[in-house]
C-alpha cells in the first residue's frame, strides 16, 4: 500500500477521541511512508489529519472542488492541492490515487464517499480494501445496518468481508495490508427465481 484515501468529517465531532484518532492516522501514514489522499480541507478532522501527516514529514495530496476553495476551507499548507470542478471529479481522482480507503468518523459526505467506493468493490470495479476506523463504537450502528441488510438478503453474507473494521489505526492498517477481496457475484437469486 503506497497511498491511502481517508474520508472524514469537516467537523471535529463531539469526542476528543475522534481528533486524536485523526492525528494517529496522519502520523502512522507518515511513519509508514504511505501517502495520504484526502479531501483537501483545513477544517475539522480533515485538517487535523493532514496537519499530523505533514508535521510527521508525510506526503499529502488534497483534492478539493473549486466551490469549497471559494468558501476558504482549502488547506493552504499542502504542496499538492488539486482543485477539481465537482464532487464527482473529486471522488474519481481520490479513488484513482489511492490503494485503499478508510473512513474516520464523519457525516453525510463521509458516509457517501465510503459507500461509493465500497459499492465499486462489491461490483468488482476495484479490488482495493475499504476500512472503517470504529473509534468509540462510532460505526457500530452502521455495521448493524449492514448486518441487517445481509439478514434481509439485500447484501450477500460474503460481501460483509468487503468492510474491514478496527478500533485503532495500527490494527486497521494491518487488516488493510492483509486484505483479500471476496470473489463472489453481487446479485442474490431469490428462492422463487431458482
N, C-alpha and C. Protein backbone atom coordinates (compact mmCIF):
# COMPACT_ATOMS: atom_id res chain seq x y z
N UNK A 1 0.86 -1.19 0.00
CA UNK A 1 0.00 0.00 0.00
C UNK A 1 0.90 1.24 0.00
N UNK A 2 0.80 2.00 -1.08
CA UNK A 2 1.62 3.21 -1.21
C UNK A 2 0.84 4.47 -0.87
N UNK A 3 -0.48 4.41 -1.02
CA UNK A 3 -1.30 5.59 -0.72
C UNK A 3 -2.65 5.15 -0.14
N UNK A 4 -3.13 5.95 0.78
CA UNK A 4 -4.40 5.66 1.45
C UNK A 4 -5.30 6.88 1.36
N UNK A 5 -6.52 6.67 0.87
CA UNK A 5 -7.52 7.73 0.84
C UNK A 5 -8.31 7.68 2.14
N UNK A 6 -8.37 8.80 2.83
CA UNK A 6 -9.11 8.87 4.10
C UNK A 6 -10.28 9.83 3.93
N UNK A 7 -11.47 9.32 4.22
CA UNK A 7 -12.68 10.14 4.28
C UNK A 7 -12.94 10.44 5.75
N UNK A 8 -13.24 11.69 6.08
CA UNK A 8 -13.52 12.03 7.48
C UNK A 8 -14.25 13.36 7.55
N UNK A 9 -14.70 13.68 8.75
CA UNK A 9 -15.53 14.84 8.97
C UNK A 9 -14.84 16.18 8.76
N UNK A 10 -15.61 17.14 8.29
CA UNK A 10 -15.14 18.52 8.20
C UNK A 10 -15.43 19.25 9.51
N UNK A 11 -15.97 18.51 10.47
CA UNK A 11 -16.10 18.97 11.86
C UNK A 11 -15.27 18.01 12.71
N UNK A 12 -14.94 18.42 13.93
CA UNK A 12 -14.12 17.58 14.80
C UNK A 12 -14.94 16.58 15.59
N UNK A 13 -16.26 16.76 15.64
CA UNK A 13 -17.10 15.82 16.37
C UNK A 13 -17.18 16.15 17.85
N UNK A 14 -17.97 15.36 18.56
CA UNK A 14 -18.27 15.63 19.97
C UNK A 14 -17.22 15.11 20.93
N UNK A 15 -16.44 14.11 20.51
CA UNK A 15 -15.48 13.48 21.43
C UNK A 15 -14.04 13.78 21.02
N UNK A 16 -13.19 14.10 22.00
CA UNK A 16 -11.76 14.32 21.70
C UNK A 16 -11.10 13.10 21.06
N UNK A 17 -11.64 11.91 21.29
CA UNK A 17 -11.06 10.68 20.73
C UNK A 17 -11.05 10.70 19.21
N UNK A 18 -12.00 11.39 18.59
CA UNK A 18 -12.05 11.45 17.13
C UNK A 18 -10.85 12.23 16.59
N UNK A 19 -10.56 13.37 17.19
CA UNK A 19 -9.42 14.18 16.76
C UNK A 19 -8.12 13.44 17.02
N UNK A 20 -8.03 12.76 18.15
CA UNK A 20 -6.81 12.00 18.46
C UNK A 20 -6.61 10.88 17.45
N UNK A 21 -7.69 10.22 17.06
CA UNK A 21 -7.58 9.15 16.04
C UNK A 21 -7.10 9.73 14.72
N UNK A 22 -7.60 10.90 14.32
CA UNK A 22 -7.16 11.53 13.08
C UNK A 22 -5.66 11.85 13.16
N UNK A 23 -5.21 12.35 14.31
CA UNK A 23 -3.77 12.61 14.50
C UNK A 23 -2.96 11.32 14.37
N UNK A 24 -3.44 10.26 15.01
CA UNK A 24 -2.72 8.98 14.96
C UNK A 24 -2.63 8.46 13.53
N UNK A 25 -3.72 8.55 12.79
CA UNK A 25 -3.71 8.08 11.41
C UNK A 25 -2.71 8.89 10.59
N UNK A 26 -2.72 10.21 10.73
CA UNK A 26 -1.78 11.06 9.99
C UNK A 26 -0.34 10.72 10.31
N UNK A 27 -0.03 10.55 11.59
CA UNK A 27 1.34 10.21 11.99
C UNK A 27 1.74 8.82 11.49
N UNK A 28 0.83 7.86 11.63
CA UNK A 28 1.12 6.49 11.21
C UNK A 28 1.36 6.40 9.71
N UNK A 29 0.59 7.14 8.94
CA UNK A 29 0.81 7.17 7.49
C UNK A 29 2.21 7.70 7.18
N UNK A 30 2.57 8.82 7.81
CA UNK A 30 3.89 9.41 7.57
C UNK A 30 5.01 8.46 7.98
N UNK A 31 4.88 7.86 9.15
CA UNK A 31 5.90 6.94 9.65
C UNK A 31 6.03 5.69 8.78
N UNK A 32 4.94 5.29 8.14
CA UNK A 32 4.93 4.09 7.29
C UNK A 32 5.29 4.39 5.85
N UNK A 33 5.50 5.65 5.52
CA UNK A 33 5.82 6.03 4.15
C UNK A 33 4.66 5.90 3.20
N UNK A 34 3.43 5.98 3.75
CA UNK A 34 2.22 5.88 2.93
C UNK A 34 1.67 7.28 2.70
N UNK A 35 1.43 7.60 1.44
CA UNK A 35 0.91 8.92 1.08
C UNK A 35 -0.56 9.03 1.48
N UNK A 36 -0.92 10.15 2.06
CA UNK A 36 -2.31 10.46 2.41
C UNK A 36 -2.98 11.15 1.23
N UNK A 37 -4.14 10.62 0.85
CA UNK A 37 -5.01 11.28 -0.12
C UNK A 37 -6.28 11.61 0.65
N UNK A 38 -6.72 12.86 0.60
CA UNK A 38 -7.91 13.24 1.35
C UNK A 38 -8.57 14.43 0.68
N UNK A 39 -9.65 14.91 1.27
CA UNK A 39 -10.49 15.92 0.65
C UNK A 39 -9.97 17.33 0.58
N UNK A 40 -8.74 17.59 1.04
CA UNK A 40 -8.10 18.88 0.83
C UNK A 40 -8.51 20.01 1.76
N UNK A 41 -9.32 19.71 2.78
CA UNK A 41 -9.78 20.76 3.68
C UNK A 41 -8.83 21.02 4.83
N UNK A 42 -9.01 22.20 5.45
CA UNK A 42 -8.21 22.56 6.62
C UNK A 42 -9.07 22.62 7.88
N UNK A 43 -10.27 22.09 7.81
CA UNK A 43 -11.21 22.18 8.93
C UNK A 43 -11.53 20.79 9.48
N UNK A 44 -11.96 20.74 10.73
CA UNK A 44 -12.41 19.50 11.35
C UNK A 44 -11.36 18.41 11.36
N UNK A 45 -11.82 17.16 11.29
CA UNK A 45 -10.90 16.03 11.29
C UNK A 45 -10.00 16.04 10.07
N UNK A 46 -10.51 16.58 8.96
CA UNK A 46 -9.69 16.66 7.74
C UNK A 46 -8.42 17.47 7.99
N UNK A 47 -8.58 18.64 8.58
CA UNK A 47 -7.42 19.48 8.85
C UNK A 47 -6.48 18.86 9.87
N UNK A 48 -7.04 18.25 10.91
CA UNK A 48 -6.23 17.60 11.95
C UNK A 48 -5.41 16.46 11.34
N UNK A 49 -6.05 15.65 10.51
CA UNK A 49 -5.40 14.53 9.84
C UNK A 49 -4.24 15.01 8.97
N UNK A 50 -4.50 15.97 8.10
CA UNK A 50 -3.47 16.47 7.19
C UNK A 50 -2.32 17.11 7.95
N UNK A 51 -2.63 17.92 8.95
CA UNK A 51 -1.59 18.58 9.73
C UNK A 51 -0.69 17.57 10.42
N UNK A 52 -1.29 16.50 10.97
CA UNK A 52 -0.49 15.48 11.66
C UNK A 52 0.44 14.77 10.68
N UNK A 53 -0.07 14.45 9.49
CA UNK A 53 0.78 13.80 8.48
C UNK A 53 1.91 14.73 8.05
N UNK A 54 1.61 15.99 7.82
CA UNK A 54 2.63 16.96 7.40
C UNK A 54 3.67 17.17 8.49
N UNK A 55 3.23 17.31 9.74
CA UNK A 55 4.15 17.53 10.86
C UNK A 55 5.10 16.35 11.05
N UNK A 56 4.64 15.15 10.68
CA UNK A 56 5.48 13.95 10.80
C UNK A 56 6.29 13.69 9.54
N UNK A 57 6.26 14.63 8.59
CA UNK A 57 7.06 14.51 7.38
C UNK A 57 6.44 13.69 6.28
N UNK A 58 5.12 13.50 6.34
CA UNK A 58 4.43 12.68 5.36
C UNK A 58 4.11 13.40 4.07
N UNK A 59 3.75 12.61 3.08
CA UNK A 59 3.31 13.11 1.78
C UNK A 59 1.79 13.17 1.78
N UNK A 60 1.24 14.32 1.36
CA UNK A 60 -0.20 14.53 1.41
C UNK A 60 -0.67 15.12 0.08
N UNK A 61 -1.73 14.52 -0.46
CA UNK A 61 -2.41 15.09 -1.62
C UNK A 61 -3.82 15.45 -1.20
N UNK A 62 -4.20 16.70 -1.38
CA UNK A 62 -5.56 17.14 -1.13
C UNK A 62 -6.29 17.30 -2.45
N UNK A 63 -7.55 16.87 -2.47
CA UNK A 63 -8.37 17.01 -3.68
C UNK A 63 -9.65 17.72 -3.27
N UNK A 64 -9.86 18.90 -3.82
CA UNK A 64 -10.99 19.72 -3.36
C UNK A 64 -11.71 20.37 -4.54
N UNK A 65 -13.04 20.39 -4.50
CA UNK A 65 -13.78 21.08 -5.56
C UNK A 65 -13.60 22.60 -5.46
N UNK A 66 -13.66 23.24 -6.60
CA UNK A 66 -13.48 24.69 -6.68
C UNK A 66 -14.43 25.44 -5.75
N UNK A 67 -15.66 24.96 -5.63
CA UNK A 67 -16.65 25.65 -4.78
C UNK A 67 -16.20 25.71 -3.32
N UNK A 68 -15.54 24.65 -2.85
CA UNK A 68 -15.08 24.64 -1.45
C UNK A 68 -13.84 25.52 -1.26
N UNK A 69 -13.02 25.65 -2.29
CA UNK A 69 -11.89 26.57 -2.22
C UNK A 69 -12.43 27.99 -2.04
N UNK A 70 -13.50 28.30 -2.77
CA UNK A 70 -14.11 29.63 -2.69
C UNK A 70 -14.65 29.92 -1.29
N UNK A 71 -15.04 28.87 -0.56
CA UNK A 71 -15.52 29.05 0.81
C UNK A 71 -14.37 29.12 1.82
N UNK A 72 -13.15 29.12 1.30
CA UNK A 72 -11.94 29.27 2.11
C UNK A 72 -11.72 28.14 3.10
N UNK A 73 -12.05 26.90 2.69
CA UNK A 73 -11.76 25.76 3.56
C UNK A 73 -10.61 24.91 3.01
N UNK A 74 -9.99 25.31 1.91
CA UNK A 74 -8.86 24.56 1.35
C UNK A 74 -7.65 24.69 2.26
N UNK A 75 -6.90 23.61 2.38
CA UNK A 75 -5.68 23.60 3.19
C UNK A 75 -4.57 24.25 2.39
N UNK A 76 -4.15 25.43 2.80
CA UNK A 76 -3.15 26.19 2.05
C UNK A 76 -1.72 25.72 2.32
N UNK A 77 -1.54 24.81 3.28
CA UNK A 77 -0.20 24.32 3.59
C UNK A 77 0.21 23.09 2.81
N UNK A 78 -0.60 22.66 1.86
CA UNK A 78 -0.28 21.46 1.09
C UNK A 78 0.58 21.80 -0.13
N UNK A 79 1.60 21.01 -0.35
CA UNK A 79 2.42 21.17 -1.55
C UNK A 79 1.67 20.64 -2.77
N UNK A 80 0.72 19.73 -2.54
CA UNK A 80 -0.01 19.12 -3.65
C UNK A 80 -1.53 19.21 -3.37
N UNK A 81 -2.12 20.33 -3.75
CA UNK A 81 -3.56 20.54 -3.62
C UNK A 81 -4.13 20.57 -5.03
N UNK A 82 -5.00 19.61 -5.31
CA UNK A 82 -5.58 19.51 -6.66
C UNK A 82 -7.01 20.03 -6.62
N UNK A 83 -7.26 21.04 -7.40
CA UNK A 83 -8.58 21.67 -7.44
C UNK A 83 -9.33 21.13 -8.66
N UNK A 84 -10.52 20.59 -8.40
CA UNK A 84 -11.33 19.98 -9.45
C UNK A 84 -12.66 20.72 -9.57
N UNK A 85 -13.41 20.39 -10.60
CA UNK A 85 -14.63 21.12 -10.89
C UNK A 85 -15.85 20.69 -10.09
N UNK A 86 -15.87 19.45 -9.60
CA UNK A 86 -17.08 18.97 -8.94
C UNK A 86 -16.75 17.91 -7.90
N UNK A 87 -17.75 17.57 -7.10
CA UNK A 87 -17.60 16.49 -6.12
C UNK A 87 -17.37 15.16 -6.84
N UNK A 88 -18.01 14.97 -7.98
CA UNK A 88 -17.82 13.74 -8.74
C UNK A 88 -16.36 13.59 -9.18
N UNK A 89 -15.80 14.68 -9.69
CA UNK A 89 -14.39 14.66 -10.11
C UNK A 89 -13.48 14.41 -8.92
N UNK A 90 -13.82 15.00 -7.78
CA UNK A 90 -13.03 14.81 -6.56
C UNK A 90 -12.96 13.33 -6.19
N UNK A 91 -14.13 12.68 -6.13
CA UNK A 91 -14.16 11.28 -5.72
C UNK A 91 -13.44 10.39 -6.72
N UNK A 92 -13.60 10.67 -8.01
CA UNK A 92 -12.94 9.86 -9.03
C UNK A 92 -11.42 9.98 -8.92
N UNK A 93 -10.91 11.18 -8.73
CA UNK A 93 -9.48 11.38 -8.63
C UNK A 93 -8.93 10.76 -7.34
N UNK A 94 -9.63 10.93 -6.23
CA UNK A 94 -9.19 10.33 -4.98
C UNK A 94 -9.12 8.81 -5.12
N UNK A 95 -10.12 8.21 -5.76
CA UNK A 95 -10.14 6.76 -5.94
C UNK A 95 -8.99 6.31 -6.84
N UNK A 96 -8.69 7.09 -7.85
CA UNK A 96 -7.60 6.76 -8.76
C UNK A 96 -6.24 6.81 -8.05
N UNK A 97 -6.07 7.77 -7.16
CA UNK A 97 -4.78 7.98 -6.49
C UNK A 97 -4.53 7.01 -5.34
N UNK A 98 -5.56 6.31 -4.85
CA UNK A 98 -5.45 5.52 -3.63
C UNK A 98 -5.35 4.02 -3.88
N UNK A 99 -4.64 3.35 -2.98
CA UNK A 99 -4.56 1.89 -2.99
C UNK A 99 -5.55 1.27 -2.01
N UNK A 100 -6.10 2.08 -1.11
CA UNK A 100 -7.06 1.62 -0.11
C UNK A 100 -7.83 2.83 0.39
N UNK A 101 -8.94 2.56 1.09
CA UNK A 101 -9.81 3.63 1.58
C UNK A 101 -10.15 3.38 3.04
N UNK A 102 -10.20 4.47 3.81
CA UNK A 102 -10.58 4.38 5.22
C UNK A 102 -11.52 5.54 5.53
N UNK A 103 -12.56 5.24 6.30
CA UNK A 103 -13.44 6.29 6.81
C UNK A 103 -13.22 6.43 8.30
N UNK A 104 -12.89 7.63 8.73
CA UNK A 104 -12.90 8.00 10.13
C UNK A 104 -14.31 8.52 10.43
N UNK A 105 -14.61 8.85 11.67
CA UNK A 105 -15.94 9.43 11.92
C UNK A 105 -16.20 10.65 11.04
N UNK A 106 -17.46 10.81 10.68
CA UNK A 106 -17.86 11.92 9.84
C UNK A 106 -19.35 11.92 9.64
N UNK A 107 -19.81 12.73 8.71
CA UNK A 107 -21.24 12.86 8.46
C UNK A 107 -21.64 12.36 7.09
N UNK A 108 -22.64 13.00 6.50
CA UNK A 108 -23.19 12.55 5.22
C UNK A 108 -22.11 12.37 4.15
N UNK A 109 -21.22 13.36 4.01
CA UNK A 109 -20.19 13.28 2.97
C UNK A 109 -19.28 12.09 3.17
N UNK A 110 -18.86 11.86 4.41
CA UNK A 110 -18.00 10.72 4.72
C UNK A 110 -18.70 9.41 4.39
N UNK A 111 -19.97 9.30 4.81
CA UNK A 111 -20.73 8.07 4.54
C UNK A 111 -20.86 7.83 3.04
N UNK A 112 -21.21 8.90 2.32
CA UNK A 112 -21.45 8.77 0.88
C UNK A 112 -20.17 8.38 0.15
N UNK A 113 -19.06 9.02 0.50
CA UNK A 113 -17.80 8.70 -0.16
C UNK A 113 -17.39 7.25 0.12
N UNK A 114 -17.54 6.83 1.38
CA UNK A 114 -17.17 5.46 1.73
C UNK A 114 -18.05 4.45 1.00
N UNK A 115 -19.35 4.70 1.01
CA UNK A 115 -20.25 3.73 0.38
C UNK A 115 -20.08 3.68 -1.14
N UNK A 116 -19.67 4.77 -1.75
CA UNK A 116 -19.44 4.71 -3.19
C UNK A 116 -18.27 3.78 -3.51
N UNK A 117 -17.14 3.93 -2.82
CA UNK A 117 -16.00 3.04 -3.12
C UNK A 117 -16.29 1.62 -2.68
N UNK A 118 -17.09 1.45 -1.62
CA UNK A 118 -17.49 0.11 -1.18
C UNK A 118 -18.37 -0.56 -2.24
N UNK A 119 -19.29 0.19 -2.81
CA UNK A 119 -20.14 -0.33 -3.88
C UNK A 119 -19.31 -0.73 -5.09
N UNK A 120 -18.33 0.10 -5.43
CA UNK A 120 -17.45 -0.24 -6.55
C UNK A 120 -16.72 -1.55 -6.27
N UNK A 121 -16.29 -1.76 -5.03
CA UNK A 121 -15.63 -3.02 -4.66
C UNK A 121 -16.60 -4.19 -4.79
N UNK A 122 -17.84 -3.99 -4.33
CA UNK A 122 -18.85 -5.05 -4.42
C UNK A 122 -19.11 -5.44 -5.87
N UNK A 123 -19.09 -4.47 -6.76
CA UNK A 123 -19.33 -4.71 -8.19
C UNK A 123 -18.10 -5.24 -8.91
N UNK A 124 -16.97 -5.31 -8.20
CA UNK A 124 -15.74 -5.80 -8.81
C UNK A 124 -15.03 -4.76 -9.66
N UNK A 125 -15.36 -3.48 -9.48
CA UNK A 125 -14.72 -2.42 -10.26
C UNK A 125 -13.32 -2.10 -9.75
N UNK A 126 -13.02 -2.47 -8.51
CA UNK A 126 -11.66 -2.37 -7.97
C UNK A 126 -11.51 -3.42 -6.85
N UNK A 127 -10.26 -3.85 -6.58
CA UNK A 127 -10.02 -4.82 -5.52
C UNK A 127 -9.46 -4.19 -4.24
N UNK A 128 -9.59 -2.89 -4.10
CA UNK A 128 -8.96 -2.16 -3.00
C UNK A 128 -9.75 -2.31 -1.70
N UNK A 129 -9.04 -2.45 -0.57
CA UNK A 129 -9.74 -2.58 0.71
C UNK A 129 -10.43 -1.29 1.13
N UNK A 130 -11.55 -1.45 1.83
CA UNK A 130 -12.35 -0.33 2.34
C UNK A 130 -12.52 -0.53 3.84
N UNK A 131 -11.94 0.36 4.63
CA UNK A 131 -11.93 0.17 6.08
C UNK A 131 -12.66 1.26 6.84
N UNK A 132 -13.19 0.86 7.99
CA UNK A 132 -13.81 1.79 8.92
C UNK A 132 -12.97 1.84 10.19
N UNK A 133 -12.56 3.04 10.59
CA UNK A 133 -11.90 3.21 11.88
C UNK A 133 -13.00 3.50 12.89
N UNK A 134 -13.34 2.47 13.65
CA UNK A 134 -14.52 2.49 14.51
C UNK A 134 -14.17 3.00 15.92
N UNK A 135 -13.81 4.26 15.99
CA UNK A 135 -13.40 4.87 17.25
C UNK A 135 -14.59 4.99 18.19
N UNK A 136 -14.45 4.44 19.39
CA UNK A 136 -15.50 4.54 20.40
C UNK A 136 -16.83 3.95 19.96
N UNK A 137 -16.80 3.01 19.02
CA UNK A 137 -18.04 2.40 18.54
C UNK A 137 -18.84 3.29 17.61
N UNK A 138 -18.21 4.34 17.05
CA UNK A 138 -18.91 5.28 16.19
C UNK A 138 -19.66 4.57 15.06
N UNK A 139 -19.02 3.56 14.46
CA UNK A 139 -19.64 2.89 13.32
C UNK A 139 -20.45 1.64 13.70
N UNK A 140 -20.63 1.37 14.98
CA UNK A 140 -21.43 0.21 15.38
C UNK A 140 -22.84 0.22 14.78
N UNK A 141 -23.57 1.36 14.82
CA UNK A 141 -24.91 1.36 14.21
C UNK A 141 -24.88 1.10 12.70
N UNK A 142 -23.87 1.61 12.02
CA UNK A 142 -23.76 1.39 10.58
C UNK A 142 -23.46 -0.08 10.29
N UNK A 143 -22.58 -0.67 11.06
CA UNK A 143 -22.27 -2.09 10.89
C UNK A 143 -23.49 -2.95 11.19
N UNK A 144 -24.28 -2.55 12.18
CA UNK A 144 -25.52 -3.28 12.48
C UNK A 144 -26.50 -3.18 11.31
N UNK A 145 -26.56 -2.02 10.66
CA UNK A 145 -27.42 -1.87 9.49
C UNK A 145 -26.96 -2.77 8.35
N UNK A 146 -25.65 -2.84 8.13
CA UNK A 146 -25.12 -3.73 7.09
C UNK A 146 -25.49 -5.18 7.41
N UNK A 147 -25.32 -5.58 8.66
CA UNK A 147 -25.67 -6.95 9.06
C UNK A 147 -27.17 -7.21 8.88
N UNK A 148 -27.99 -6.20 9.15
CA UNK A 148 -29.43 -6.34 8.96
C UNK A 148 -29.77 -6.50 7.47
N UNK A 149 -29.09 -5.72 6.62
CA UNK A 149 -29.31 -5.83 5.17
C UNK A 149 -28.89 -7.21 4.67
N UNK A 150 -27.86 -7.79 5.28
CA UNK A 150 -27.46 -9.16 4.94
C UNK A 150 -28.55 -10.14 5.35
N UNK A 151 -29.06 -9.99 6.57
CA UNK A 151 -30.12 -10.87 7.06
C UNK A 151 -31.38 -10.78 6.19
N UNK A 152 -31.63 -9.60 5.64
CA UNK A 152 -32.81 -9.38 4.80
C UNK A 152 -32.53 -9.67 3.32
N UNK A 153 -31.37 -10.23 3.02
CA UNK A 153 -30.99 -10.68 1.69
C UNK A 153 -30.88 -9.55 0.64
N UNK A 154 -30.36 -8.41 1.09
CA UNK A 154 -30.02 -7.34 0.15
C UNK A 154 -28.53 -7.30 -0.12
N UNK A 155 -27.75 -7.91 0.76
CA UNK A 155 -26.30 -7.99 0.62
C UNK A 155 -25.90 -9.44 0.86
N UNK A 156 -25.02 -9.96 0.04
CA UNK A 156 -24.53 -11.33 0.25
C UNK A 156 -23.71 -11.40 1.54
N UNK A 157 -23.83 -12.46 2.30
CA UNK A 157 -23.01 -12.61 3.52
C UNK A 157 -21.52 -12.51 3.22
N UNK A 158 -21.10 -13.01 2.06
CA UNK A 158 -19.68 -12.96 1.70
C UNK A 158 -19.18 -11.53 1.52
N UNK A 159 -20.09 -10.62 1.16
CA UNK A 159 -19.69 -9.23 0.94
C UNK A 159 -19.47 -8.46 2.24
N UNK A 160 -19.83 -9.07 3.37
CA UNK A 160 -19.53 -8.42 4.66
C UNK A 160 -18.02 -8.25 4.81
N UNK A 161 -17.26 -9.15 4.19
CA UNK A 161 -15.80 -9.09 4.26
C UNK A 161 -15.23 -7.90 3.49
N UNK A 162 -16.05 -7.24 2.68
CA UNK A 162 -15.59 -6.03 1.98
C UNK A 162 -15.34 -4.88 2.95
N UNK A 163 -15.98 -4.92 4.11
CA UNK A 163 -15.85 -3.86 5.10
C UNK A 163 -14.85 -4.31 6.16
N UNK A 164 -13.66 -3.74 6.10
CA UNK A 164 -12.61 -4.01 7.07
C UNK A 164 -12.82 -3.03 8.22
N UNK A 165 -12.75 -3.51 9.45
CA UNK A 165 -13.08 -2.65 10.59
C UNK A 165 -12.18 -2.92 11.77
N UNK A 166 -11.73 -1.83 12.43
CA UNK A 166 -10.92 -1.96 13.64
C UNK A 166 -11.15 -0.72 14.51
N UNK A 167 -10.77 -0.85 15.78
CA UNK A 167 -10.97 0.24 16.74
C UNK A 167 -9.74 1.12 16.92
N UNK A 168 -8.61 0.74 16.32
CA UNK A 168 -7.41 1.58 16.43
C UNK A 168 -6.68 1.57 15.08
N UNK A 169 -5.96 2.65 14.78
CA UNK A 169 -5.32 2.78 13.46
C UNK A 169 -4.33 1.67 13.13
N UNK A 170 -3.48 1.28 14.07
CA UNK A 170 -2.47 0.27 13.77
C UNK A 170 -3.11 -1.06 13.37
N UNK A 171 -4.14 -1.47 14.10
CA UNK A 171 -4.84 -2.72 13.77
C UNK A 171 -5.51 -2.62 12.40
N UNK A 172 -6.10 -1.46 12.12
CA UNK A 172 -6.77 -1.29 10.83
C UNK A 172 -5.76 -1.37 9.69
N UNK A 173 -4.60 -0.75 9.85
CA UNK A 173 -3.58 -0.77 8.81
C UNK A 173 -3.12 -2.21 8.54
N UNK A 174 -2.99 -3.02 9.59
CA UNK A 174 -2.61 -4.42 9.43
C UNK A 174 -3.67 -5.16 8.62
N UNK A 175 -4.94 -4.94 8.96
CA UNK A 175 -6.03 -5.60 8.24
C UNK A 175 -6.07 -5.16 6.77
N UNK A 176 -5.82 -3.90 6.52
CA UNK A 176 -5.80 -3.41 5.14
C UNK A 176 -4.68 -4.07 4.35
N UNK A 177 -3.51 -4.21 4.98
CA UNK A 177 -2.35 -4.81 4.31
C UNK A 177 -2.60 -6.29 3.99
N UNK A 178 -3.36 -6.97 4.83
CA UNK A 178 -3.62 -8.40 4.66
C UNK A 178 -4.88 -8.71 3.85
N UNK A 179 -5.57 -7.69 3.41
CA UNK A 179 -6.88 -7.84 2.77
C UNK A 179 -6.83 -8.66 1.48
N UNK A 180 -7.78 -9.57 1.36
CA UNK A 180 -8.01 -10.32 0.12
C UNK A 180 -9.50 -10.15 -0.23
N UNK A 181 -9.82 -9.57 -1.39
CA UNK A 181 -11.23 -9.34 -1.72
C UNK A 181 -11.98 -10.65 -1.95
N UNK A 182 -13.24 -10.70 -1.50
CA UNK A 182 -14.03 -11.89 -1.79
C UNK A 182 -14.33 -11.95 -3.29
N UNK A 183 -14.41 -13.15 -3.82
CA UNK A 183 -14.73 -13.28 -5.24
C UNK A 183 -16.09 -13.96 -5.36
N UNK A 184 -17.12 -13.14 -5.30
CA UNK A 184 -18.48 -13.63 -5.42
C UNK A 184 -19.30 -12.56 -6.12
N UNK A 185 -20.22 -12.98 -6.95
CA UNK A 185 -21.08 -12.05 -7.69
C UNK A 185 -21.97 -11.27 -6.72
N UNK A 186 -22.31 -10.06 -7.08
CA UNK A 186 -23.12 -9.20 -6.25
C UNK A 186 -24.55 -9.72 -6.08
N UNK A 187 -25.15 -10.20 -7.15
CA UNK A 187 -26.58 -10.46 -7.16
C UNK A 187 -26.96 -11.71 -6.40
N UNK A 188 -28.05 -11.62 -5.68
CA UNK A 188 -28.60 -12.73 -4.91
C UNK A 188 -29.83 -13.24 -5.66
N UNK A 189 -29.87 -14.53 -5.87
CA UNK A 189 -31.05 -15.14 -6.51
C UNK A 189 -32.07 -15.45 -5.44
N UNK A 190 -33.28 -14.93 -5.61
CA UNK A 190 -34.31 -15.21 -4.60
C UNK A 190 -34.84 -16.63 -4.76
N UNK A 191 -35.38 -17.19 -3.67
CA UNK A 191 -35.85 -18.57 -3.71
C UNK A 191 -36.86 -18.81 -4.82
N UNK A 192 -37.70 -17.84 -5.14
CA UNK A 192 -38.70 -18.05 -6.17
C UNK A 192 -38.14 -17.94 -7.60
N UNK A 193 -36.85 -17.56 -7.73
CA UNK A 193 -36.21 -17.46 -9.04
C UNK A 193 -35.39 -18.71 -9.38
N UNK A 194 -35.27 -19.65 -8.48
CA UNK A 194 -34.44 -20.83 -8.74
C UNK A 194 -35.21 -21.91 -9.45
